[in-house]
Amino acid sequence: MRHFPSHRVTTQFRRQVQSVELKTTWLMVLVSLCYTVFVAPITIMTYADPEGDNTALSLLFYCVYWIQYSFNFFLYALRSQQYRDAYADYLSKSWGNVRFKMS
């Protein structure tokens, strides 16, 4: 006789999947929003000053543009336990006997 999962187990599994999907969706929304915020100034500057007369402002905006890559790392690290665990494992292997715990 074959045993089928109960409705309760199926509902619980469905909620877990929805929770993971919601977390992933919010992470993608945050990454997209950060990308837009960090890239918009340099994009606007490129069209507003095509000759590049305002070099100080352009340099500042390019720095803001490059900061987005570091910021994305922290977004992933803060939002994902699996990412933190993998990074701690990597650091542990790289640094030898040093044990890293990220929670």
PDB file of N, CA and C in Angstrom:
ATOM      1  N   MET A   1       0.848  -1.180   0.000  1.00  0.00           N
ATOM      2  CA  MET A   1       0.000   0.000   0.000  1.00  0.00           C
ATOM      3  C   MET A   1       0.895   1.245   0.000  1.00  0.00           C
ATOM      4  N   ARG A   2       0.578   2.153  -0.833  1.00  0.00           N
ATOM      5  CA  ARG A   2       1.360   3.368  -0.991  1.00  0.00           C
ATOM      6  C   ARG A   2       0.846   4.454  -0.057  1.00  0.00           C
ATOM      7  N   HIS A   3       1.791   5.156   0.601  1.00  0.00           N
ATOM      8  CA  HIS A   3       1.420   6.208   1.545  1.00  0.00           C
ATOM      9  C   HIS A   3       1.594   7.573   0.881  1.00  0.00           C
ATOM     10  N   PHE A   4       0.531   8.338   0.812  1.00  0.00           N
ATOM     11  CA  PHE A   4       0.577   9.684   0.237  1.00  0.00           C
ATOM     12  C   PHE A   4       0.681  10.713   1.355  1.00  0.00           C
ATOM     13  N   PRO A   5       1.426  11.795   1.128  1.00  0.00           N
ATOM     14  CA  PRO A   5       1.547  12.812   2.173  1.00  0.00           C
ATOM     15  C   PRO A   5       0.207  13.460   2.469  1.00  0.00           C
ATOM     16  N   SER A   6       0.056  13.830   3.697  1.00  0.00           N
ATOM     17  CA  SER A   6      -1.211  14.435   4.102  1.00  0.00           C
ATOM     18  C   SER A   6      -1.310  15.857   3.561  1.00  0.00           C
ATOM     19  N   HIS A   7      -2.492  16.390   3.659  1.00  0.00           N
ATOM     20  CA  HIS A   7      -2.737  17.754   3.219  1.00  0.00           C
ATOM     21  C   HIS A   7      -1.898  18.734   4.029  1.00  0.00           C
ATOM     22  N   ARG A   8      -1.714  18.444   5.314  1.00  0.00           N
ATOM     23  CA  ARG A   8      -0.939  19.322   6.198  1.00  0.00           C
ATOM     24  C   ARG A   8       0.515  19.423   5.747  1.00  0.00           C
ATOM     25  N   VAL A   9       1.120  18.313   5.387  1.00  0.00           N
ATOM     26  CA  VAL A   9       2.508  18.306   4.933  1.00  0.00           C
ATOM     27  C   VAL A   9       2.622  19.073   3.620  1.00  0.00           C
ATOM     28  N   THR A  10       1.695  18.860   2.728  1.00  0.00           N
ATOM     29  CA  THR A  10       1.711  19.559   1.449  1.00  0.00           C
ATOM     30  C   THR A  10       1.566  21.063   1.652  1.00  0.00           C
ATOM     31  N   THR A  11       0.681  21.472   2.536  1.00  0.00           N
ATOM     32  CA  THR A  11       0.483  22.884   2.828  1.00  0.00           C
ATOM     33  C   THR A  11       1.727  23.480   3.474  1.00  0.00           C
ATOM     34  N   GLN A  12       2.345  22.741   4.382  1.00  0.00           N
ATOM     35  CA  GLN A  12       3.567  23.217   5.036  1.00  0.00           C
ATOM     36  C   GLN A  12       4.689  23.373   4.014  1.00  0.00           C
ATOM     37  N   PHE A  13       4.842  22.424   3.130  1.00  0.00           N
ATOM     38  CA  PHE A  13       5.865  22.501   2.090  1.00  0.00           C
ATOM     39  C   PHE A  13       5.604  23.690   1.172  1.00  0.00           C
ATOM     40  N   ARG A  14       4.354  23.888   0.812  1.00  0.00           N
ATOM     41  CA  ARG A  14       3.983  25.000  -0.057  1.00  0.00           C
ATOM     42  C   ARG A  14       4.326  26.337   0.605  1.00  0.00           C
ATOM     43  N   ARG A  15       4.096  26.446   1.907  1.00  0.00           N
ATOM     44  CA  ARG A  15       4.436  27.680   2.624  1.00  0.00           C
ATOM     45  C   ARG A  15       5.940  27.911   2.655  1.00  0.00           C
ATOM     46  N   GLN A  16       6.708  26.841   2.821  1.00  0.00           N
ATOM     47  CA  GLN A  16       8.167  26.974   2.818  1.00  0.00           C
ATOM     48  C   GLN A  16       8.662  27.450   1.457  1.00  0.00           C
ATOM     49  N   VAL A  17       8.114  26.890   0.407  1.00  0.00           N
ATOM     50  CA  VAL A  17       8.500  27.296  -0.948  1.00  0.00           C
ATOM     51  C   VAL A  17       8.118  28.754  -1.177  1.00  0.00           C
ATOM     52  N   GLN A  18       6.939  29.150  -0.755  1.00  0.00           N
ATOM     53  CA  GLN A  18       6.514  30.534  -0.914  1.00  0.00           C
ATOM     54  C   GLN A  18       7.408  31.485  -0.127  1.00  0.00           C
ATOM     55  N   SER A  19       7.835  31.067   1.053  1.00  0.00           N
ATOM     56  CA  SER A  19       8.721  31.892   1.863  1.00  0.00           C
ATOM     57  C   SER A  19      10.065  32.098   1.169  1.00  0.00           C
ATOM     58  N   VAL A  20      10.619  31.041   0.607  1.00  0.00           N
ATOM     59  CA  VAL A  20      11.881  31.142  -0.117  1.00  0.00           C
ATOM     60  C   VAL A  20      11.715  32.013  -1.353  1.00  0.00           C
ATOM     61  N   GLU A  21      10.628  31.819  -2.066  1.00  0.00           N
ATOM     62  CA  GLU A  21      10.375  32.631  -3.258  1.00  0.00           C
ATOM     63  C   GLU A  21      10.222  34.106  -2.904  1.00  0.00           C
ATOM     64  N   LEU A  22       9.553  34.396  -1.811  1.00  0.00           N
ATOM     65  CA  LEU A  22       9.370  35.778  -1.381  1.00  0.00           C
ATOM     66  C   LEU A  22      10.703  36.413  -1.004  1.00  0.00           C
ATOM     67  N   LYS A  23      11.544  35.684  -0.282  1.00  0.00           N
ATOM     68  CA  LYS A  23      12.871  36.197   0.079  1.00  0.00           C
ATOM     69  C   LYS A  23      13.709  36.456  -1.168  1.00  0.00           C
ATOM     70  N   THR A  24      13.655  35.556  -2.118  1.00  0.00           N
ATOM     71  CA  THR A  24      14.408  35.721  -3.358  1.00  0.00           C
ATOM     72  C   THR A  24      13.899  36.919  -4.142  1.00  0.00           C
ATOM     73  N   THR A  25      12.601  37.074  -4.199  1.00  0.00           N
ATOM     74  CA  THR A  25      12.010  38.206  -4.902  1.00  0.00           C
ATOM     75  C   THR A  25      12.441  39.527  -4.277  1.00  0.00           C
ATOM     76  N   TRP A  26      12.392  39.603  -2.945  1.00  0.00           N
ATOM     77  CA  TRP A  26      12.809  40.833  -2.276  1.00  0.00           C
ATOM     78  C   TRP A  26      14.291  41.116  -2.499  1.00  0.00           C
ATOM     79  N   LEU A  27      15.110  40.082  -2.526  1.00  0.00           N
ATOM     80  CA  LEU A  27      16.532  40.279  -2.790  1.00  0.00           C
ATOM     81  C   LEU A  27      16.732  40.853  -4.193  1.00  0.00           C
ATOM     82  N   MET A  28      16.029  40.318  -5.169  1.00  0.00           N
ATOM     83  CA  MET A  28      16.154  40.829  -6.537  1.00  0.00           C
ATOM     84  C   MET A  28      15.634  42.264  -6.649  1.00  0.00           C
ATOM     85  N   VAL A  29      14.578  42.585  -5.918  1.00  0.00           N
ATOM     86  CA  VAL A  29      14.057  43.957  -5.912  1.00  0.00           C
ATOM     87  C   VAL A  29      15.100  44.892  -5.302  1.00  0.00           C
ATOM     88  N   LEU A  30      15.708  44.488  -4.191  1.00  0.00           N
ATOM     89  CA  LEU A  30      16.730  45.313  -3.556  1.00  0.00           C
ATOM     90  C   LEU A  30      17.954  45.503  -4.449  1.00  0.00           C
ATOM     91  N   VAL A  31      18.405  44.432  -5.083  1.00  0.00           N
ATOM     92  CA  VAL A  31      19.561  44.527  -5.980  1.00  0.00           C
ATOM     93  C   VAL A  31      19.241  45.452  -7.154  1.00  0.00           C
ATOM     94  N   SER A  32      18.064  45.308  -7.723  1.00  0.00           N
ATOM     95  CA  SER A  32      17.669  46.170  -8.843  1.00  0.00           C
ATOM     96  C   SER A  32      17.549  47.625  -8.412  1.00  0.00           C
ATOM     97  N   LEU A  33      16.974  47.844  -7.256  1.00  0.00           N
ATOM     98  CA  LEU A  33      16.829  49.204  -6.742  1.00  0.00           C
ATOM     99  C   LEU A  33      18.203  49.827  -6.480  1.00  0.00           C
ATOM    100  N   CYS A  34      19.085  49.080  -5.857  1.00  0.00           N
ATOM    101  CA  CYS A  34      20.440  49.594  -5.601  1.00  0.00           C
ATOM    102  C   CYS A  34      21.169  49.879  -6.903  1.00  0.00           C
ATOM    103  N   TYR A  35      21.012  49.002  -7.872  1.00  0.00           N
ATOM    104  CA  TYR A  35      21.652  49.233  -9.167  1.00  0.00           C
ATOM    105  C   TYR A  35      21.159  50.549  -9.767  1.00  0.00           C
ATOM    106  N   THR A  36      19.862  50.747  -9.721  1.00  0.00           N
ATOM    107  CA  THR A  36      19.286  51.969 -10.274  1.00  0.00           C
ATOM    108  C   THR A  36      19.793  53.205  -9.536  1.00  0.00           C
ATOM    109  N   VAL A  37      19.827  53.143  -8.214  1.00  0.00           N
ATOM    110  CA  VAL A  37      20.277  54.285  -7.414  1.00  0.00           C
ATOM    111  C   VAL A  37      21.747  54.596  -7.671  1.00  0.00           C
ATOM    112  N   PHE A  38      22.579  53.557  -7.785  1.00  0.00           N
ATOM    113  CA  PHE A  38      24.010  53.783  -7.952  1.00  0.00           C
ATOM    114  C   PHE A  38      24.405  54.127  -9.391  1.00  0.00           C
ATOM    115  N   VAL A  39      23.636  53.677 -10.354  1.00  0.00           N
ATOM    116  CA  VAL A  39      23.987  53.915 -11.762  1.00  0.00           C
ATOM    117  C   VAL A  39      23.312  55.171 -12.321  1.00  0.00           C
ATOM    118  N   ALA A  40      22.193  55.556 -11.772  1.00  0.00           N
ATOM    119  CA  ALA A  40      21.455  56.716 -12.287  1.00  0.00           C
ATOM    120  C   ALA A  40      22.296  57.997 -12.338  1.00  0.00           C
ATOM    121  N   PRO A  41      23.068  58.316 -11.294  1.00  0.00           N
ATOM    122  CA  PRO A  41      23.836  59.575 -11.375  1.00  0.00           C
ATOM    123  C   PRO A  41      24.809  59.623 -12.552  1.00  0.00           C
ATOM    124  N   ILE A  42      25.541  58.563 -12.800  1.00  0.00           N
ATOM    125  CA  ILE A  42      26.510  58.584 -13.895  1.00  0.00           C
ATOM    126  C   ILE A  42      25.803  58.580 -15.248  1.00  0.00           C
ATOM    127  N   THR A  43      24.658  57.921 -15.312  1.00  0.00           N
ATOM    128  CA  THR A  43      23.883  57.915 -16.560  1.00  0.00           C
ATOM    129  C   THR A  43      23.359  59.314 -16.863  1.00  0.00           C
ATOM    130  N   ILE A  44      22.810  59.963 -15.859  1.00  0.00           N
ATOM    131  CA  ILE A  44      22.307  61.332 -16.042  1.00  0.00           C
ATOM    132  C   ILE A  44      23.449  62.271 -16.395  1.00  0.00           C
ATOM    133  N   MET A  45      24.581  62.091 -15.714  1.00  0.00           N
ATOM    134  CA  MET A  45      25.738  62.948 -15.976  1.00  0.00           C
ATOM    135  C   MET A  45      26.249  62.773 -17.401  1.00  0.00           C
ATOM    136  N   THR A  46      26.218  61.545 -17.903  1.00  0.00           N
ATOM    137  CA  THR A  46      26.683  61.277 -19.263  1.00  0.00           C
ATOM    138  C   THR A  46      25.840  62.030 -20.293  1.00  0.00           C
ATOM    139  N   TYR A  47      24.539  62.081 -20.070  1.00  0.00           N
ATOM    140  CA  TYR A  47      23.662  62.784 -21.010  1.00  0.00           C
ATOM    141  C   TYR A  47      23.623  64.290 -20.755  1.00  0.00           C
ATOM    142  N   ALA A  48      23.761  64.701 -19.497  1.00  0.00           N
ATOM    143  CA  ALA A  48      23.688  66.131 -19.173  1.00  0.00           C
ATOM    144  C   ALA A  48      24.969  66.866 -19.538  1.00  0.00           C
ATOM    145  N   ASP A  49      26.103  66.160 -19.497  1.00  0.00           N
ATOM    146  CA  ASP A  49      27.390  66.792 -19.789  1.00  0.00           C
ATOM    147  C   ASP A  49      28.183  65.904 -20.746  1.00  0.00           C
ATOM    148  N   PRO A  50      27.757  65.836 -22.024  1.00  0.00           N
ATOM    149  CA  PRO A  50      28.406  64.914 -22.965  1.00  0.00           C
ATOM    150  C   PRO A  50      29.868  65.256 -23.251  1.00  0.00           C
ATOM    151  N   GLU A  51      30.254  66.516 -23.075  1.00  0.00           N
ATOM    152  CA  GLU A  51      31.647  66.896 -23.327  1.00  0.00           C
ATOM    153  C   GLU A  51      32.554  66.549 -22.154  1.00  0.00           C
ATOM    154  N   GLY A  52      31.988  66.268 -20.995  1.00  0.00           N
ATOM    155  CA  GLY A  52      32.776  65.919 -19.823  1.00  0.00           C
ATOM    156  C   GLY A  52      33.473  67.099 -19.192  1.00  0.00           C
ATOM    157  N   ASP A  53      32.814  68.253 -19.170  1.00  0.00           N
ATOM    158  CA  ASP A  53      33.418  69.463 -18.606  1.00  0.00           C
ATOM    159  C   ASP A  53      33.520  69.415 -17.080  1.00  0.00           C
ATOM    160  N   ASN A  54      32.599  68.747 -16.433  1.00  0.00           N
ATOM    161  CA  ASN A  54      32.572  68.697 -14.978  1.00  0.00           C
ATOM    162  C   ASN A  54      33.241  67.405 -14.497  1.00  0.00           C
ATOM    163  N   THR A  55      34.553  67.380 -14.510  1.00  0.00           N
ATOM    164  CA  THR A  55      35.288  66.141 -14.207  1.00  0.00           C
ATOM    165  C   THR A  55      35.193  65.736 -12.740  1.00  0.00           C
ATOM    166  N   ALA A  56      35.135  66.704 -11.828  1.00  0.00           N
ATOM    167  CA  ALA A  56      35.055  66.362 -10.402  1.00  0.00           C
ATOM    168  C   ALA A  56      33.756  65.620 -10.099  1.00  0.00           C
ATOM    169  N   LEU A  57      32.663  66.112 -10.641  1.00  0.00           N
ATOM    170  CA  LEU A  57      31.373  65.466 -10.429  1.00  0.00           C
ATOM    171  C   LEU A  57      31.326  64.097 -11.111  1.00  0.00           C
ATOM    172  N   SER A  58      31.891  64.010 -12.296  1.00  0.00           N
ATOM    173  CA  SER A  58      31.950  62.724 -13.001  1.00  0.00           C
ATOM    174  C   SER A  58      32.743  61.701 -12.201  1.00  0.00           C
ATOM    175  N   LEU A  59      33.858  62.120 -11.629  1.00  0.00           N
ATOM    176  CA  LEU A  59      34.676  61.217 -10.820  1.00  0.00           C
ATOM    177  C   LEU A  59      33.905  60.734  -9.596  1.00  0.00           C
ATOM    178  N   LEU A  60      33.204  61.656  -8.950  1.00  0.00           N
ATOM    179  CA  LEU A  60      32.379  61.280  -7.799  1.00  0.00           C
ATOM    180  C   LEU A  60      31.315  60.267  -8.195  1.00  0.00           C
ATOM    181  N   PHE A  61      30.633  60.493  -9.306  1.00  0.00           N
ATOM    182  CA  PHE A  61      29.583  59.591  -9.745  1.00  0.00           C
ATOM    183  C   PHE A  61      30.141  58.232 -10.159  1.00  0.00           C
ATOM    184  N   TYR A  62      31.331  58.206 -10.739  1.00  0.00           N
ATOM    185  CA  TYR A  62      31.943  56.921 -11.069  1.00  0.00           C
ATOM    186  C   TYR A  62      32.316  56.150  -9.804  1.00  0.00           C
ATOM    187  N   CYS A  63      32.741  56.864  -8.774  1.00  0.00           N
ATOM    188  CA  CYS A  63      33.015  56.191  -7.489  1.00  0.00           C
ATOM    189  C   CYS A  63      31.735  55.585  -6.917  1.00  0.00           C
ATOM    190  N   VAL A  64      30.647  56.335  -6.994  1.00  0.00           N
ATOM    191  CA  VAL A  64      29.347  55.823  -6.543  1.00  0.00           C
ATOM    192  C   VAL A  64      28.957  54.597  -7.371  1.00  0.00           C
ATOM    193  N   TYR A  65      29.213  54.658  -8.664  1.00  0.00           N
ATOM    194  CA  TYR A  65      28.914  53.529  -9.552  1.00  0.00           C
ATOM    195  C   TYR A  65      29.668  52.276  -9.116  1.00  0.00           C
ATOM    196  N   TRP A  66      30.940  52.400  -8.799  1.00  0.00           N
ATOM    197  CA  TRP A  66      31.742  51.231  -8.428  1.00  0.00           C
ATOM    198  C   TRP A  66      31.423  50.734  -7.026  1.00  0.00           C
ATOM    199  N   ILE A  67      30.899  51.574  -6.180  1.00  0.00           N
ATOM    200  CA  ILE A  67      30.508  51.158  -4.828  1.00  0.00           C
ATOM    201  C   ILE A  67      29.371  50.141  -4.882  1.00  0.00           C
ATOM    202  N   GLN A  68      28.561  50.193  -5.922  1.00  0.00           N
ATOM    203  CA  GLN A  68      27.425  49.268  -6.018  1.00  0.00           C
ATOM    204  C   GLN A  68      27.863  47.811  -5.961  1.00  0.00           C
ATOM    205  N   TYR A  69      29.030  47.500  -6.500  1.00  0.00           N
ATOM    206  CA  TYR A  69      29.491  46.111  -6.495  1.00  0.00           C
ATOM    207  C   TYR A  69      29.784  45.629  -5.077  1.00  0.00           C
ATOM    208  N   SER A  70      30.377  46.480  -4.267  1.00  0.00           N
ATOM    209  CA  SER A  70      30.604  46.130  -2.864  1.00  0.00           C
ATOM    210  C   SER A  70      29.281  46.041  -2.119  1.00  0.00           C
ATOM    211  N   PHE A  71      28.394  46.940  -2.422  1.00  0.00           N
ATOM    212  CA  PHE A  71      27.106  46.959  -1.751  1.00  0.00           C
ATOM    213  C   PHE A  71      26.306  45.698  -2.056  1.00  0.00           C
ATOM    214  N   ASN A  72      26.367  45.221  -3.292  1.00  0.00           N
ATOM    215  CA  ASN A  72      25.667  43.989  -3.656  1.00  0.00           C
ATOM    216  C   ASN A  72      26.174  42.809  -2.844  1.00  0.00           C
ATOM    217  N   PHE A  73      27.484  42.749  -2.619  1.00  0.00           N
ATOM    218  CA  PHE A  73      28.038  41.680  -1.790  1.00  0.00           C
ATOM    219  C   PHE A  73      27.381  41.673  -0.410  1.00  0.00           C
ATOM    220  N   PHE A  74      27.270  42.849   0.206  1.00  0.00           N
ATOM    221  CA  PHE A  74      26.666  42.920   1.533  1.00  0.00           C
ATOM    222  C   PHE A  74      25.177  42.592   1.505  1.00  0.00           C
ATOM    223  N   LEU A  75      24.500  42.961   0.442  1.00  0.00           N
ATOM    224  CA  LEU A  75      23.086  42.588   0.321  1.00  0.00           C
ATOM    225  C   LEU A  75      22.923  41.071   0.309  1.00  0.00           C
ATOM    226  N   TYR A  76      23.719  40.404  -0.515  1.00  0.00           N
ATOM    227  CA  TYR A  76      23.641  38.950  -0.575  1.00  0.00           C
ATOM    228  C   TYR A  76      24.008  38.330   0.763  1.00  0.00           C
ATOM    229  N   ALA A  77      25.040  38.854   1.401  1.00  0.00           N
ATOM    230  CA  ALA A  77      25.491  38.295   2.670  1.00  0.00           C
ATOM    231  C   ALA A  77      24.456  38.496   3.774  1.00  0.00           C
ATOM    232  N   LEU A  78      23.808  39.626   3.783  1.00  0.00           N
ATOM    233  CA  LEU A  78      22.817  39.892   4.822  1.00  0.00           C
ATOM    234  C   LEU A  78      21.519  39.125   4.615  1.00  0.00           C
ATOM    235  N   ARG A  79      21.163  38.848   3.385  1.00  0.00           N
ATOM    236  CA  ARG A  79      19.867  38.249   3.093  1.00  0.00           C
ATOM    237  C   ARG A  79      19.884  36.724   3.007  1.00  0.00           C
ATOM    238  N   SER A  80      21.052  36.109   2.933  1.00  0.00           N
ATOM    239  CA  SER A  80      21.085  34.668   2.682  1.00  0.00           C
ATOM    240  C   SER A  80      21.959  33.931   3.694  1.00  0.00           C
ATOM    241  N   GLN A  81      21.342  33.080   4.480  1.00  0.00           N
ATOM    242  CA  GLN A  81      22.091  32.256   5.435  1.00  0.00           C
ATOM    243  C   GLN A  81      23.018  31.303   4.693  1.00  0.00           C
ATOM    244  N   GLN A  82      22.574  30.758   3.590  1.00  0.00           N
ATOM    245  CA  GLN A  82      23.397  29.838   2.798  1.00  0.00           C
ATOM    246  C   GLN A  82      24.645  30.555   2.279  1.00  0.00           C
ATOM    247  N   TYR A  83      24.508  31.788   1.851  1.00  0.00           N
ATOM    248  CA  TYR A  83      25.641  32.585   1.373  1.00  0.00           C
ATOM    249  C   TYR A  83      26.630  32.831   2.515  1.00  0.00           C
ATOM    250  N   ARG A  84      26.105  33.189   3.704  1.00  0.00           N
ATOM    251  CA  ARG A  84      26.971  33.426   4.857  1.00  0.00           C
ATOM    252  C   ARG A  84      27.712  32.154   5.256  1.00  0.00           C
ATOM    253  N   ASP A  85      27.009  31.021   5.251  1.00  0.00           N
ATOM    254  CA  ASP A  85      27.644  29.752   5.608  1.00  0.00           C
ATOM    255  C   ASP A  85      28.741  29.385   4.618  1.00  0.00           C
ATOM    256  N   ALA A  86      28.481  29.577   3.332  1.00  0.00           N
ATOM    257  CA  ALA A  86      29.483  29.259   2.309  1.00  0.00           C
ATOM    258  C   ALA A  86      30.691  30.177   2.441  1.00  0.00           C
ATOM    259  N   TYR A  87      30.458  31.441   2.736  1.00  0.00           N
ATOM    260  CA  TYR A  87      31.562  32.384   2.892  1.00  0.00           C
ATOM    261  C   TYR A  87      32.392  32.050   4.136  1.00  0.00           C
ATOM    262  N   ALA A  88      31.731  31.679   5.231  1.00  0.00           N
ATOM    263  CA  ALA A  88      32.440  31.281   6.448  1.00  0.00           C
ATOM    264  C   ALA A  88      33.264  30.022   6.187  1.00  0.00           C
ATOM    265  N   ASP A  89      32.714  29.095   5.432  1.00  0.00           N
ATOM    266  CA  ASP A  89      33.445  27.878   5.081  1.00  0.00           C
ATOM    267  C   ASP A  89      34.670  28.214   4.233  1.00  0.00           C
ATOM    268  N   TYR A  90      34.510  29.109   3.289  1.00  0.00           N
ATOM    269  CA  TYR A  90      35.621  29.546   2.440  1.00  0.00           C
ATOM    270  C   TYR A  90      36.718  30.200   3.280  1.00  0.00           C
ATOM    271  N   LEU A  91      36.322  31.105   4.179  1.00  0.00           N
ATOM    272  CA  LEU A  91      37.305  31.767   5.033  1.00  0.00           C
ATOM    273  C   LEU A  91      38.011  30.780   5.944  1.00  0.00           C
ATOM    274  N   SER A  92      37.278  29.808   6.469  1.00  0.00           N
ATOM    275  CA  SER A  92      37.879  28.795   7.332  1.00  0.00           C
ATOM    276  C   SER A  92      38.930  27.992   6.585  1.00  0.00           C
ATOM    277  N   LYS A  93      38.635  27.634   5.357  1.00  0.00           N
ATOM    278  CA  LYS A  93      39.590  26.872   4.554  1.00  0.00           C
ATOM    279  C   LYS A  93      40.779  27.736   4.144  1.00  0.00           C
ATOM    280  N   SER A  94      40.525  29.003   3.868  1.00  0.00           N
ATOM    281  CA  SER A  94      41.590  29.900   3.438  1.00  0.00           C
ATOM    282  C   SER A  94      42.538  30.267   4.573  1.00  0.00           C
ATOM    283  N   TRP A  95      42.020  30.405   5.767  1.00  0.00           N
ATOM    284  CA  TRP A  95      42.813  30.867   6.899  1.00  0.00           C
ATOM    285  C   TRP A  95      43.255  29.717   7.801  1.00  0.00           C
ATOM    286  N   GLY A  96      43.059  28.501   7.368  1.00  0.00           N
ATOM    287  CA  GLY A  96      43.544  27.362   8.153  1.00  0.00           C
ATOM    288  C   GLY A  96      42.651  27.032   9.329  1.00  0.00           C
ATOM    289  N   ASN A  97      43.214  27.067  10.525  1.00  0.00           N
ATOM    290  CA  ASN A  97      42.509  26.625  11.732  1.00  0.00           C
ATOM    291  C   ASN A  97      41.561  27.671  12.316  1.00  0.00           C
ATOM    292  N   VAL A  98      41.523  28.842  11.744  1.00  0.00           N
ATOM    293  CA  VAL A  98      40.633  29.876  12.238  1.00  0.00           C
ATOM    294  C   VAL A  98      39.202  29.484  11.905  1.00  0.00           C
ATOM    295  N   ARG A  99      38.320  29.562  12.878  1.00  0.00           N
ATOM    296  CA  ARG A  99      36.911  29.176  12.693  1.00  0.00           C
ATOM    297  C   ARG A  99      36.062  30.432  12.602  1.00  0.00           C
ATOM    298  N   PHE A 100      35.280  30.557  11.553  1.00  0.00           N
ATOM    299  CA  PHE A 100      34.399  31.699  11.366  1.00  0.00           C
ATOM    300  C   PHE A 100      32.969  31.267  11.563  1.00  0.00           C
ATOM    301  N   LYS A 101      32.217  32.055  12.314  1.00  0.00           N
ATOM    302  CA  LYS A 101      30.790  31.785  12.505  1.00  0.00           C
ATOM    303  C   LYS A 101      30.044  33.052  12.150  1.00  0.00           C
ATOM    304  N   MET A 102      29.198  32.960  11.144  1.00  0.00           N
ATOM    305  CA  MET A 102      28.393  34.111  10.718  1.00  0.00           C
ATOM    306  C   MET A 102      26.931  33.744  10.886  1.00  0.00           C
ATOM    307  N   SER A 103      26.232  34.495  11.713  1.00  0.00           N
ATOM    308  CA  SER A 103      24.811  34.207  11.880  1.00  0.00           C
ATOM    309  C   SER A 103      23.993  35.453  11.894  1.00  0.00           C
TER     310      SER A 103
END
